[in-house]
Amino acid sequence: MQELGIKSEKASVEKLGIKDSTAHWNLSPEKLAEIAVEEGQAVKTASGAISVDTGEFTGRSPKDRFIVKDEITEEAVWWGNINIPFDADKFDQLYNKMVDYLSGKEIYVRDAYACADPNYRTNIRVVNEYSWSNMFVYNMFLRPTEDEIKSFEHEWLVINAPGFKADPAVDGTRQHNFAILNFKKKIALVGGTGYTGEIKKGIFSALNFVLPHQKNTLSMHCSANMGEQGDTAIFFGLSGTGKTTLSADPARKLIGDDEHGWSNENTVFNFEGGCYAKVIDLSEEKEPDIYKAIKEGALLENVVIKNGDVDYKDGSKTENTRVSYPIYHINNIAEPSIGKNPKNIFFLTCDAYGVLPPISKLTPGQAAFHFISGYTAKVAGTEAGITEPVTAFSACFGAPFMPLHPTKYAEMLSKKMQDAGVNVWLVNTGWSGGPYGIGSRMSLKITRGLITAALNGDLNDVEYEKHEIFGLNMPKTCPNVPESVLNPKNTWADKEAYDLKANDLANAFNKNFEKFAENANEEILAAAPTAKVSA
């Protein structure tokens, strides 16, 4: 048994049940990258970043995510097809099989933490089978100092073994891959999949239970940035809606790109220490901050490389090509990753049907309705098996990671929005001029122009018109944005086809909201779209 590197004297993988291994503790990202290349698991690209293939899985597998049902979770978790219960004894059995699998191997251990606000700091120890997975952990979580590592004690443990495959008949899983949370033991197991996003979202799911349920702090699937005057903006949205891209604004300091808390002390704080960005069709012209962050220390996933250069347009392996990098690869960041009460909140949706306006201002009732609805269209690559756009309603813009009932998060957000007096905007980063296959994706330049105008207060005094079906308040003018795109119906050649598509989407919204209606007040119910023909 060898345990190498910087660690606490008390810490040992033997205490976790792993025997006769060579454990590398807290290696530098440079060393981890070197090992991955030497072992043939990664290649170095022209930018200095390394690139890996995650194997069978190039996205999350939501049907294989479980939560152990016990006295802590039984009454609190919103059980169903998102939060799938798992037997505690089966969990122990799987844990033992995983540590046996890792015994005798060369493994990589990292001490890290989540939550930039010291009041909510959560220490995490991650054991990885592969060096590049450990590099991902370095990039994505917050990094303790060397002195902190020497006295580090973990609160949560993650065991990650992509090469370990469960036996569904014996282990209680659906198939050979799995991601399981145990809140009593504070352990996350990730096996049978090399997709690193499962590690990140496992801890995010844990915090989405612990913070609202046990610490009265709202957890959010959002990005956040801050202006020169300290004004914070929050961007909610699912994968593929533009959270990472739109929060990386050269004129504003990035707080974080995906996961945040909003505390009772009126802070908005990043859970993470890095960014996990989609890179399909990435270019320096469109997204200079992300493009320049892909250098030594960055980890690319499932991209196609030609003569040492990444071909970002090639989605032949997956549309969900990714890069992780530490947040300090972005020049303009908030240090530490903490902001104040937000002044503007943006709900980002990728509407593949070309129905919703590029920007609209929401009333409090509409804000609650759209937050609980969490509409987007899943586009190719965001999840296993998605190849064409699919209508998706993901409560709180993050249902796959939310263990509690959506109304818990919605009530907390609603109160905070009212107390802080924020403006709330719905932004469509999806299609314009027709649905997917006919229209075209909203240009990033236009979306940035609309968001900048909202942040600068340029939309406070302009004239608005109401969307005839969704009731959304659409600005009739906006600086530096063509008026022709502001009302989506005007961008369609066939106006009757637009009405039919808008009607279909309204019906889908209302059908989805039926399961929340009994917990919604009159103001929220009144914010529902008024379809002209029922489905």
Protein backbone atom coordinates (compact mmCIF):
# COMPACT_ATOMS: atom_id res chain seq x y z
CA MET A 1 0.00 0.00 0.00
CA GLN A 2 1.45 3.34 -1.07
CA GLU A 3 -0.08 6.74 -0.38
CA LEU A 4 1.84 9.49 -2.17
CA GLY A 5 1.48 13.26 -2.33
CA ILE A 6 0.17 15.96 -0.02
CA LYS A 7 -2.52 14.88 2.43
CA SER A 8 -3.62 14.93 6.02
CA GLU A 9 -1.75 12.47 8.26
CA LYS A 10 -5.11 11.07 9.35
CA ALA A 11 -6.32 10.47 5.80
CA SER A 12 -5.95 7.07 4.14
CA VAL A 13 -7.80 5.21 1.41
CA GLU A 14 -7.51 2.11 3.59
CA LYS A 15 -10.04 3.74 5.92
CA LEU A 16 -12.41 3.79 2.96
CA GLY A 17 -11.93 0.05 2.39
CA ILE A 18 -9.46 0.30 -0.51
CA LYS A 19 -6.53 -2.08 -0.01
CA ASP A 20 -3.10 -2.60 -1.62
CA SER A 21 -3.46 0.33 -3.99
CA THR A 22 -1.06 3.09 -4.97
CA ALA A 23 -2.96 6.25 -4.10
CA HIS A 24 -1.78 9.56 -5.56
CA TRP A 25 -3.09 12.40 -3.42
CA ASN A 26 -3.69 15.93 -4.71
CA LEU A 27 -1.41 15.79 -7.73
CA SER A 28 -1.01 18.95 -9.81
CA PRO A 29 -3.14 19.20 -12.96
CA GLU A 30 0.09 19.20 -15.00
CA LYS A 31 1.12 15.85 -13.51
CA LEU A 32 -2.36 14.37 -13.96
CA ALA A 33 -2.41 15.46 -17.60
CA GLU A 34 1.06 13.96 -18.13
CA ILE A 35 -0.05 10.62 -16.68
CA ALA A 36 -3.20 10.55 -18.83
CA VAL A 37 -1.13 11.15 -21.99
CA GLU A 38 1.55 8.59 -20.99
CA GLU A 39 -1.13 5.94 -20.38
CA GLY A 40 -2.69 6.60 -23.76
CA GLN A 41 -5.96 7.85 -22.25
CA ALA A 42 -5.50 11.42 -23.48
CA VAL A 43 -3.83 13.37 -26.26
CA LYS A 44 -2.30 16.81 -26.02
CA THR A 45 -3.80 19.38 -28.39
CA ALA A 46 -2.13 22.33 -30.08
CA SER A 47 -3.54 24.72 -27.43
CA GLY A 48 -1.86 22.77 -24.60
CA ALA A 49 -5.14 21.32 -23.30
CA ILE A 50 -5.52 17.56 -23.18
CA SER A 51 -8.41 15.71 -24.80
CA VAL A 52 -10.08 12.47 -23.68
CA ASP A 53 -12.93 10.28 -24.86
CA THR A 54 -15.34 9.46 -22.04
CA GLY A 55 -16.32 6.16 -23.66
CA GLU A 56 -19.81 4.75 -23.96
CA PHE A 57 -21.43 7.75 -22.26
CA THR A 58 -20.92 11.26 -23.62
CA GLY A 59 -23.69 12.80 -21.50
CA ARG A 60 -25.57 12.23 -18.28
CA SER A 61 -27.85 9.23 -17.91
CA PRO A 62 -30.82 10.56 -15.87
CA LYS A 63 -32.60 7.20 -15.62
CA ASP A 64 -29.58 5.78 -13.80
CA ARG A 65 -29.46 8.41 -11.03
CA PHE A 66 -30.67 7.20 -7.63
CA ILE A 67 -31.09 8.44 -4.05
CA VAL A 68 -30.96 6.08 -1.08
CA LYS A 69 -34.34 6.04 0.64
CA ASP A 70 -33.90 6.24 4.41
CA GLU A 71 -35.14 8.20 7.44
CA ILE A 72 -33.45 11.40 6.17
CA THR A 73 -34.86 11.31 2.66
CA GLU A 74 -38.09 9.31 2.87
CA GLU A 75 -40.42 12.22 3.68
CA ALA A 76 -38.35 15.09 2.21
CA VAL A 77 -37.41 13.91 -1.30
CA TRP A 78 -39.84 14.31 -4.21
CA TRP A 79 -39.76 10.69 -5.35
CA GLY A 80 -40.60 9.75 -8.93
CA ASN A 81 -38.89 9.23 -12.26
CA ILE A 82 -36.33 11.97 -11.49
CA ASN A 83 -35.49 11.04 -7.92
CA ILE A 84 -35.50 7.25 -8.05
CA PRO A 85 -35.29 5.44 -4.70
CA PHE A 86 -32.45 3.02 -3.98
CA ASP A 87 -32.17 0.43 -1.23
CA ALA A 88 -29.68 1.20 1.57
CA ASP A 89 -28.40 -2.40 1.76
CA LYS A 90 -27.88 -2.48 -2.01
CA PHE A 91 -25.92 0.76 -1.71
CA ASP A 92 -23.60 -0.78 0.90
CA GLN A 93 -23.16 -3.82 -1.30
CA LEU A 94 -22.24 -1.66 -4.31
CA TYR A 95 -19.87 0.46 -2.20
CA ASN A 96 -18.02 -2.64 -1.07
CA LYS A 97 -17.79 -3.97 -4.62
CA MET A 98 -16.43 -0.63 -5.87
CA VAL A 99 -13.70 -0.36 -3.22
CA ASP A 100 -12.75 -3.99 -3.92
CA TYR A 101 -12.54 -3.10 -7.61
CA LEU A 102 -10.23 -0.14 -6.86
CA SER A 103 -8.06 -2.18 -4.48
CA GLY A 104 -4.70 -3.10 -5.98
CA LYS A 105 -4.98 -0.34 -8.60
CA GLU A 106 -3.22 2.96 -9.11
CA ILE A 107 -5.81 5.54 -8.06
CA TYR A 108 -6.09 9.30 -7.68
CA VAL A 109 -7.49 11.12 -4.65
CA ARG A 110 -8.34 14.80 -4.38
CA ASP A 111 -9.44 17.01 -1.50
CA ALA A 112 -11.65 19.86 -2.64
CA TYR A 113 -14.66 21.81 -1.48
CA ALA A 114 -17.90 23.33 -2.73
CA CYS A 115 -19.47 26.72 -1.89
CA ALA A 116 -17.34 29.88 -2.05
CA ASP A 117 -19.18 31.45 0.89
CA PRO A 118 -17.31 30.25 4.01
CA ASN A 119 -20.62 29.93 5.89
CA TYR A 120 -21.62 27.10 3.56
CA ARG A 121 -18.28 25.48 2.70
CA THR A 122 -18.64 21.73 2.11
CA ASN A 123 -15.45 19.63 2.10
CA ILE A 124 -15.35 16.82 -0.46
CA ARG A 125 -12.92 13.93 -0.97
CA VAL A 126 -12.99 12.31 -4.42
CA VAL A 127 -11.40 8.97 -5.31
CA ASN A 128 -10.93 8.49 -9.07
CA GLU A 129 -9.91 5.47 -11.10
CA TYR A 130 -8.44 7.69 -13.84
CA SER A 131 -6.00 10.60 -13.61
CA TRP A 132 -8.01 12.73 -16.05
CA SER A 133 -11.17 12.35 -13.96
CA ASN A 134 -9.12 13.64 -11.01
CA MET A 135 -7.98 16.56 -13.16
CA PHE A 136 -11.67 17.34 -13.81
CA VAL A 137 -12.25 17.44 -10.05
CA TYR A 138 -9.32 19.87 -9.66
CA ASN A 139 -10.79 22.08 -12.38
CA MET A 140 -14.40 22.05 -11.24
CA PHE A 141 -14.36 22.24 -7.45
CA LEU A 142 -12.85 24.86 -5.17
CA ARG A 143 -9.21 24.27 -4.31
CA PRO A 144 -7.97 24.27 -0.70
CA THR A 145 -4.52 25.62 0.11
CA GLU A 146 -1.68 23.22 0.89
CA ASP A 147 -1.99 24.07 4.60
CA GLU A 148 -5.73 23.36 4.49
CA ILE A 149 -5.07 20.00 2.83
CA LYS A 150 -2.77 18.97 5.68
CA SER A 151 -5.65 19.24 8.16
CA PHE A 152 -8.43 18.38 5.70
CA GLU A 153 -11.44 16.37 6.85
CA HIS A 154 -14.10 15.52 4.31
CA GLU A 155 -17.83 15.86 4.81
CA TRP A 156 -18.78 14.18 1.52
CA LEU A 157 -17.03 11.32 -0.25
CA VAL A 158 -17.23 10.54 -3.98
CA ILE A 159 -16.09 7.17 -5.34
CA ASN A 160 -15.70 7.29 -9.13
CA ALA A 161 -14.85 4.16 -11.12
CA PRO A 162 -15.78 4.34 -14.83
CA GLY A 163 -14.41 0.83 -15.44
CA PHE A 164 -16.60 -0.80 -12.77
CA LYS A 165 -19.83 -2.22 -14.11
CA ALA A 166 -22.76 -3.10 -11.89
CA ASP A 167 -24.79 -6.26 -12.31
CA PRO A 168 -28.38 -4.95 -12.40
CA ALA A 169 -29.90 -8.27 -11.33
CA VAL A 170 -27.74 -8.37 -8.21
CA ASP A 171 -27.01 -4.70 -7.48
CA GLY A 172 -30.44 -3.12 -7.98
CA THR A 173 -29.39 -0.74 -10.74
CA ARG A 174 -31.18 -0.32 -14.08
CA GLN A 175 -28.10 -1.14 -16.13
CA HIS A 176 -24.34 -1.31 -15.58
CA ASN A 177 -23.83 2.45 -15.03
CA PHE A 178 -25.12 4.39 -12.03
CA ALA A 179 -24.87 7.58 -9.96
CA ILE A 180 -26.18 7.16 -6.42
CA LEU A 181 -26.44 9.60 -3.49
CA ASN A 182 -26.57 8.51 0.14
CA PHE A 183 -27.45 11.48 2.38
CA LYS A 184 -27.11 9.54 5.62
CA LYS A 185 -23.55 8.42 4.88
CA LYS A 186 -22.75 11.49 2.73
CA ILE A 187 -21.34 9.35 -0.08
CA ALA A 188 -21.82 9.58 -3.85
CA LEU A 189 -21.05 6.57 -6.05
CA VAL A 190 -20.45 7.01 -9.79
CA GLY A 191 -19.68 3.86 -11.76
CA GLY A 192 -19.81 2.42 -15.25
CA THR A 193 -19.58 5.81 -16.96
CA GLY A 194 -16.59 8.00 -17.78
CA TYR A 195 -18.72 11.10 -18.31
CA THR A 196 -17.29 13.51 -15.74
CA GLY A 197 -20.47 15.58 -15.53
CA GLU A 198 -21.93 12.83 -13.32
CA ILE A 199 -19.40 13.74 -10.58
CA LYS A 200 -20.19 17.43 -10.77
CA LYS A 201 -23.96 16.97 -10.85
CA GLY A 202 -23.81 14.41 -8.02
CA ILE A 203 -22.45 17.01 -5.61
CA PHE A 204 -24.82 19.64 -7.04
CA SER A 205 -27.76 17.33 -6.31
CA ALA A 206 -26.49 16.83 -2.77
CA LEU A 207 -26.28 20.58 -2.18
CA ASN A 208 -29.77 21.02 -3.67
CA PHE A 209 -31.05 18.92 -0.78
CA VAL A 210 -28.79 20.09 2.04
CA LEU A 211 -28.89 23.87 1.50
CA PRO A 212 -32.66 24.49 1.10
CA HIS A 213 -33.81 21.67 3.39
CA GLN A 214 -31.29 21.94 6.20
CA LYS A 215 -29.74 25.44 5.91
CA ASN A 216 -32.61 27.59 4.54
CA THR A 217 -30.47 28.74 1.60
CA LEU A 218 -31.71 28.65 -1.98
CA SER A 219 -29.67 26.52 -4.38
CA MET A 220 -29.91 27.39 -8.07
CA HIS A 221 -28.97 25.88 -11.44
CA CYS A 222 -27.73 29.16 -12.85
CA SER A 223 -24.72 31.21 -13.85
CA ALA A 224 -23.96 34.61 -12.34
CA ASN A 225 -21.87 37.67 -13.06
CA MET A 226 -21.35 41.13 -11.61
CA GLY A 227 -21.08 44.62 -13.10
CA GLU A 228 -18.59 47.31 -12.16
CA GLN A 229 -21.06 48.76 -9.67
CA GLY A 230 -21.46 45.39 -7.93
CA ASP A 231 -24.85 44.64 -9.54
CA THR A 232 -25.32 40.89 -9.77
CA ALA A 233 -27.15 39.14 -12.61
CA ILE A 234 -28.34 35.54 -12.52
CA PHE A 235 -28.92 33.32 -15.57
CA PHE A 236 -31.10 30.24 -15.13
CA GLY A 237 -31.16 27.60 -17.82
CA LEU A 238 -30.65 23.97 -18.69
CA SER A 239 -27.77 22.56 -20.71
CA GLY A 240 -27.56 24.09 -24.17
CA THR A 241 -29.44 27.32 -23.34
CA GLY A 242 -26.35 29.53 -23.05
CA LYS A 243 -25.67 29.92 -19.32
CA THR A 244 -21.91 29.55 -19.64
CA THR A 245 -21.63 31.62 -22.81
CA LEU A 246 -23.82 34.53 -21.71
CA SER A 247 -22.34 34.88 -18.24
CA ALA A 248 -18.80 35.07 -19.70
CA ASP A 249 -19.19 38.76 -20.52
CA PRO A 250 -15.99 40.82 -21.02
CA ALA A 251 -17.72 43.84 -19.42
CA ARG A 252 -18.71 41.97 -16.24
CA LYS A 253 -16.94 39.82 -13.67
CA LEU A 254 -17.85 36.14 -13.75
CA ILE A 255 -19.02 34.72 -10.41
CA GLY A 256 -19.69 31.25 -11.82
CA ASP A 257 -21.21 29.46 -14.78
CA ASP A 258 -23.59 26.79 -13.47
CA GLU A 259 -24.33 26.32 -9.75
CA HIS A 260 -24.98 28.94 -7.07
CA GLY A 261 -26.54 29.57 -3.69
CA TRP A 262 -28.53 32.65 -2.61
CA SER A 263 -28.13 33.03 1.14
CA ASN A 264 -30.11 34.75 3.87
CA GLU A 265 -27.11 37.06 4.26
CA ASN A 266 -27.90 38.34 0.73
CA THR A 267 -24.91 36.76 -0.97
CA VAL A 268 -24.95 34.90 -4.28
CA PHE A 269 -22.08 32.41 -4.16
CA ASN A 270 -20.59 29.92 -6.58
CA PHE A 271 -20.60 26.25 -5.60
CA GLU A 272 -17.73 25.54 -7.95
CA GLY A 273 -14.18 26.53 -8.82
CA GLY A 274 -14.37 26.05 -12.57
CA CYS A 275 -16.44 25.97 -15.73
CA TYR A 276 -17.78 23.05 -17.76
CA ALA A 277 -18.62 24.52 -21.13
CA LYS A 278 -20.10 23.04 -24.29
CA VAL A 279 -17.70 23.57 -27.19
CA ILE A 280 -19.68 22.45 -30.22
CA ASP A 281 -19.20 25.14 -32.93
CA LEU A 282 -16.94 27.13 -30.60
CA SER A 283 -14.96 29.94 -32.22
CA GLU A 284 -12.72 32.70 -30.91
CA GLU A 285 -14.91 35.26 -32.65
CA LYS A 286 -18.18 34.12 -31.03
CA GLU A 287 -16.93 33.18 -27.56
CA PRO A 288 -13.45 34.64 -27.00
CA ASP A 289 -13.33 34.07 -23.21
CA ILE A 290 -14.12 30.36 -23.44
CA TYR A 291 -11.91 29.87 -26.48
CA LYS A 292 -8.90 31.44 -24.74
CA ALA A 293 -9.53 29.40 -21.57
CA ILE A 294 -8.79 26.20 -23.50
CA LYS A 295 -5.07 26.01 -22.79
CA GLU A 296 -2.74 23.95 -20.61
CA GLY A 297 -4.77 22.81 -17.60
CA ALA A 298 -8.02 22.49 -19.54
CA LEU A 299 -9.63 19.09 -20.19
CA LEU A 300 -11.52 18.57 -23.45
CA GLU A 301 -14.02 15.72 -23.80
CA ASN A 302 -15.17 13.85 -26.90
CA VAL A 303 -13.91 16.39 -29.45
CA VAL A 304 -12.48 15.48 -32.84
CA ILE A 305 -8.81 16.35 -33.34
CA LYS A 306 -7.20 16.84 -36.73
CA ASN A 307 -3.42 17.37 -36.91
CA GLY A 308 -3.33 18.41 -33.26
CA ASP A 309 -6.07 21.02 -33.65
CA VAL A 310 -9.60 20.60 -32.33
CA ASP A 311 -12.33 20.68 -34.98
CA TYR A 312 -15.05 22.28 -32.89
CA LYS A 313 -17.59 21.98 -35.71
CA ASP A 314 -17.32 18.18 -35.79
CA GLY A 315 -20.02 16.63 -33.64
CA SER A 316 -19.54 13.09 -34.97
CA LYS A 317 -18.75 11.70 -31.50
CA THR A 318 -21.44 13.77 -29.77
CA GLU A 319 -23.02 17.20 -29.95
CA ASN A 320 -22.22 17.43 -26.22
CA THR A 321 -18.51 18.14 -26.66
CA ARG A 322 -17.17 19.74 -23.48
CA VAL A 323 -14.25 21.44 -21.80
CA SER A 324 -13.54 21.88 -18.10
CA TYR A 325 -11.12 24.51 -16.86
CA PRO A 326 -10.47 26.27 -13.56
CA ILE A 327 -12.30 29.58 -13.28
CA TYR A 328 -9.00 31.46 -13.17
CA HIS A 329 -8.57 30.65 -16.88
CA ILE A 330 -11.15 33.41 -17.39
CA ASN A 331 -9.55 36.83 -17.02
CA ASN A 332 -12.46 38.81 -15.63
CA ILE A 333 -13.65 36.95 -12.53
CA ALA A 334 -15.00 37.92 -9.13
CA GLU A 335 -12.57 36.94 -6.36
CA PRO A 336 -13.83 35.29 -4.25
CA SER A 337 -16.75 33.95 -6.31
CA ILE A 338 -19.39 35.84 -4.34
CA GLY A 339 -21.82 38.62 -5.30
CA LYS A 340 -24.64 40.57 -3.66
CA ASN A 341 -28.42 40.43 -4.16
CA PRO A 342 -29.17 40.29 -7.91
CA LYS A 343 -30.78 43.20 -9.78
CA ASN A 344 -31.68 41.16 -12.87
CA ILE A 345 -32.63 37.51 -13.33
CA PHE A 346 -32.73 35.89 -16.76
CA PHE A 347 -34.58 32.66 -17.51
CA LEU A 348 -32.87 31.20 -20.59
CA THR A 349 -34.79 28.84 -22.82
CA CYS A 350 -33.81 27.22 -26.10
CA ASP A 351 -37.20 27.22 -27.83
CA ALA A 352 -36.72 24.93 -30.84
CA TYR A 353 -40.19 25.85 -32.14
CA GLY A 354 -39.47 29.55 -32.75
CA VAL A 355 -42.50 30.67 -30.72
CA LEU A 356 -41.15 32.62 -27.73
CA PRO A 357 -39.80 36.19 -28.04
CA PRO A 358 -36.05 36.78 -27.87
CA ILE A 359 -36.65 38.74 -24.65
CA SER A 360 -39.71 39.55 -22.55
CA LYS A 361 -40.19 41.11 -19.13
CA LEU A 362 -42.06 38.97 -16.63
CA THR A 363 -44.56 39.93 -13.93
CA PRO A 364 -44.04 38.25 -10.51
CA GLY A 365 -46.78 35.73 -11.39
CA GLN A 366 -45.20 34.96 -14.76
CA ALA A 367 -41.78 34.65 -13.14
CA ALA A 368 -43.08 32.01 -10.75
CA PHE A 369 -45.00 30.21 -13.54
CA HIS A 370 -41.99 30.04 -15.86
CA PHE A 371 -39.60 29.08 -13.07
CA ILE A 372 -41.81 26.17 -12.02
CA SER A 373 -42.32 25.21 -15.69
CA GLY A 374 -38.62 25.41 -16.62
CA TYR A 375 -39.26 25.07 -20.35
CA THR A 376 -36.62 24.39 -22.93
CA ALA A 377 -36.10 22.03 -25.83
CA LYS A 378 -33.43 19.42 -25.23
CA VAL A 379 -31.14 19.59 -28.21
CA ALA A 380 -28.86 16.90 -29.56
CA GLY A 381 -26.16 15.68 -27.21
CA THR A 382 -27.27 17.09 -23.86
CA GLU A 383 -28.39 13.63 -22.75
CA ALA A 384 -27.86 10.09 -23.95
CA GLY A 385 -30.21 9.28 -26.83
CA ILE A 386 -31.23 12.84 -27.72
CA THR A 387 -30.64 13.41 -31.45
CA GLU A 388 -33.57 15.72 -32.37
CA PRO A 389 -35.09 18.56 -30.28
CA VAL A 390 -37.55 17.36 -27.64
CA THR A 391 -39.93 19.60 -25.67
CA ALA A 392 -38.77 19.57 -22.06
CA PHE A 393 -40.16 21.02 -18.88
CA SER A 394 -37.63 20.86 -16.11
CA ALA A 395 -38.92 22.46 -12.93
CA CYS A 396 -36.69 25.23 -11.57
CA PHE A 397 -34.58 24.92 -14.74
CA GLY A 398 -32.86 21.99 -13.11
CA ALA A 399 -35.28 19.20 -12.16
CA PRO A 400 -32.77 16.40 -12.85
CA PHE A 401 -30.70 17.70 -9.94
CA MET A 402 -33.46 18.78 -7.53
CA PRO A 403 -34.29 16.26 -4.79
CA LEU A 404 -37.03 18.41 -3.18
CA HIS A 405 -40.47 19.28 -4.56
CA PRO A 406 -40.15 22.11 -7.13
CA THR A 407 -42.50 24.37 -5.18
CA LYS A 408 -39.96 24.44 -2.32
CA TYR A 409 -37.38 26.12 -4.59
CA ALA A 410 -40.03 28.27 -6.31
CA GLU A 411 -41.35 29.63 -3.00
CA MET A 412 -37.83 30.47 -1.81
CA LEU A 413 -36.97 32.18 -5.10
CA SER A 414 -40.25 34.09 -5.24
CA LYS A 415 -39.74 35.52 -1.76
CA LYS A 416 -36.14 36.47 -2.51
CA MET A 417 -37.08 38.12 -5.82
CA GLN A 418 -39.75 40.22 -4.12
CA ASP A 419 -37.49 41.17 -1.19
CA ALA A 420 -34.67 42.18 -3.56
CA GLY A 421 -36.95 43.92 -6.09
CA VAL A 422 -35.33 42.30 -9.13
CA ASN A 423 -36.31 42.49 -12.79
CA VAL A 424 -37.03 39.07 -14.28
CA TRP A 425 -36.63 38.39 -18.00
CA LEU A 426 -37.43 35.40 -20.22
CA VAL A 427 -34.81 35.06 -22.98
CA ASN A 428 -35.20 32.70 -25.94
CA THR A 429 -31.77 31.60 -27.19
CA GLY A 430 -33.42 29.07 -29.53
CA TRP A 431 -35.02 29.44 -32.93
CA SER A 432 -36.42 32.44 -34.81
CA GLY A 433 -38.23 32.66 -38.14
CA GLY A 434 -39.65 29.15 -37.85
CA PRO A 435 -39.09 25.93 -35.92
CA TYR A 436 -35.96 23.77 -35.98
CA GLY A 437 -35.31 22.74 -39.57
CA ILE A 438 -37.01 25.83 -41.05
CA GLY A 439 -35.94 28.85 -38.98
CA SER A 440 -32.48 29.61 -37.67
CA ARG A 441 -30.87 29.76 -34.23
CA MET A 442 -31.03 33.19 -32.59
CA SER A 443 -27.71 34.93 -33.14
CA LEU A 444 -25.49 35.25 -30.09
CA LYS A 445 -24.85 38.90 -31.01
CA ILE A 446 -28.59 39.70 -30.78
CA THR A 447 -29.02 37.81 -27.50
CA ARG A 448 -26.03 39.60 -25.99
CA GLY A 449 -27.43 42.94 -27.20
CA LEU A 450 -30.79 42.27 -25.53
CA ILE A 451 -29.23 41.18 -22.25
CA THR A 452 -26.84 44.15 -22.21
CA ALA A 453 -29.79 46.49 -22.77
CA ALA A 454 -31.69 44.90 -19.86
CA LEU A 455 -28.64 45.14 -17.57
CA ASN A 456 -28.05 48.78 -18.51
CA GLY A 457 -31.65 49.77 -17.85
CA ASP A 458 -32.26 50.54 -21.54
CA LEU A 459 -35.47 48.49 -21.52
CA ASN A 460 -36.96 50.19 -18.47
CA ASP A 461 -38.78 52.98 -20.34
CA VAL A 462 -39.44 51.54 -23.80
CA GLU A 463 -42.89 50.67 -25.11
CA TYR A 464 -44.00 47.04 -24.70
CA GLU A 465 -46.62 44.89 -26.43
CA LYS A 466 -48.26 41.74 -25.11
CA HIS A 467 -47.85 38.35 -26.76
CA GLU A 468 -51.39 37.36 -27.71
CA ILE A 469 -51.11 33.76 -26.43
CA PHE A 470 -48.39 33.81 -23.76
CA GLY A 471 -49.19 37.27 -22.39
CA LEU A 472 -45.48 38.11 -22.27
CA ASN A 473 -44.40 41.77 -22.36
CA MET A 474 -42.21 42.20 -25.44
CA PRO A 475 -40.19 45.41 -25.97
CA LYS A 476 -41.02 47.11 -29.27
CA THR A 477 -37.54 48.65 -29.52
CA CYS A 478 -34.10 47.86 -28.16
CA PRO A 479 -30.78 49.64 -28.78
CA ASN A 480 -28.52 47.86 -31.29
CA VAL A 481 -31.11 45.15 -32.02
CA PRO A 482 -33.31 45.05 -35.18
CA GLU A 483 -36.96 45.72 -34.30
CA SER A 484 -37.99 43.00 -36.76
CA VAL A 485 -36.85 40.20 -34.41
CA LEU A 486 -38.49 41.42 -31.19
CA ASN A 487 -41.94 39.98 -31.93
CA PRO A 488 -41.37 36.36 -33.01
CA LYS A 489 -44.49 36.22 -35.19
CA ASN A 490 -43.01 38.93 -37.43
CA THR A 491 -40.04 36.67 -38.24
CA TRP A 492 -42.23 33.90 -39.68
CA ALA A 493 -43.19 33.95 -43.36
CA ASP A 494 -46.33 31.91 -42.58
CA LYS A 495 -48.20 33.74 -39.79
CA GLU A 496 -50.92 31.10 -39.55
CA ALA A 497 -48.29 28.41 -39.04
CA TYR A 498 -46.83 30.53 -36.24
CA ASP A 499 -50.21 30.76 -34.49
CA LEU A 500 -50.68 26.99 -34.70
CA LYS A 501 -47.20 26.32 -33.31
CA ALA A 502 -47.67 28.88 -30.52
CA ASN A 503 -51.00 27.28 -29.68
CA ASP A 504 -49.39 23.83 -29.52
CA LEU A 505 -46.65 25.09 -27.21
CA ALA A 506 -49.21 26.85 -24.96
CA ASN A 507 -51.13 23.59 -24.62
CA ALA A 508 -47.91 21.78 -23.72
CA PHE A 509 -47.18 24.39 -21.02
CA ASN A 510 -50.64 24.08 -19.53
CA LYS A 511 -50.64 20.29 -19.58
CA ASN A 512 -47.26 20.21 -17.87
CA PHE A 513 -48.42 22.69 -15.19
CA GLU A 514 -51.41 20.55 -14.17
CA LYS A 515 -49.26 18.64 -11.66
CA PHE A 516 -48.28 21.90 -9.91
CA ALA A 517 -51.61 23.72 -10.13
CA GLU A 518 -52.97 22.70 -6.71
CA ASN A 519 -49.95 24.31 -5.03
CA ALA A 520 -50.05 27.51 -7.12
CA ASN A 521 -51.78 30.75 -6.11
CA GLU A 522 -54.16 32.79 -8.31
CA GLU A 523 -51.40 35.11 -9.53
CA ILE A 524 -49.33 32.18 -10.80
CA LEU A 525 -52.33 30.44 -12.37
CA ALA A 526 -53.29 33.67 -14.15
CA ALA A 527 -49.82 33.74 -15.77
CA ALA A 528 -50.50 30.59 -17.80
CA PRO A 529 -50.77 31.04 -21.59
CA THR A 530 -54.25 31.16 -23.10
CA ALA A 531 -54.32 28.63 -25.92
CA LYS A 532 -56.98 29.37 -28.51
CA VAL A 533 -57.64 25.69 -29.13
CA SER A 534 -57.19 23.09 -26.43
CA ALA A 535 -55.08 20.04 -27.12
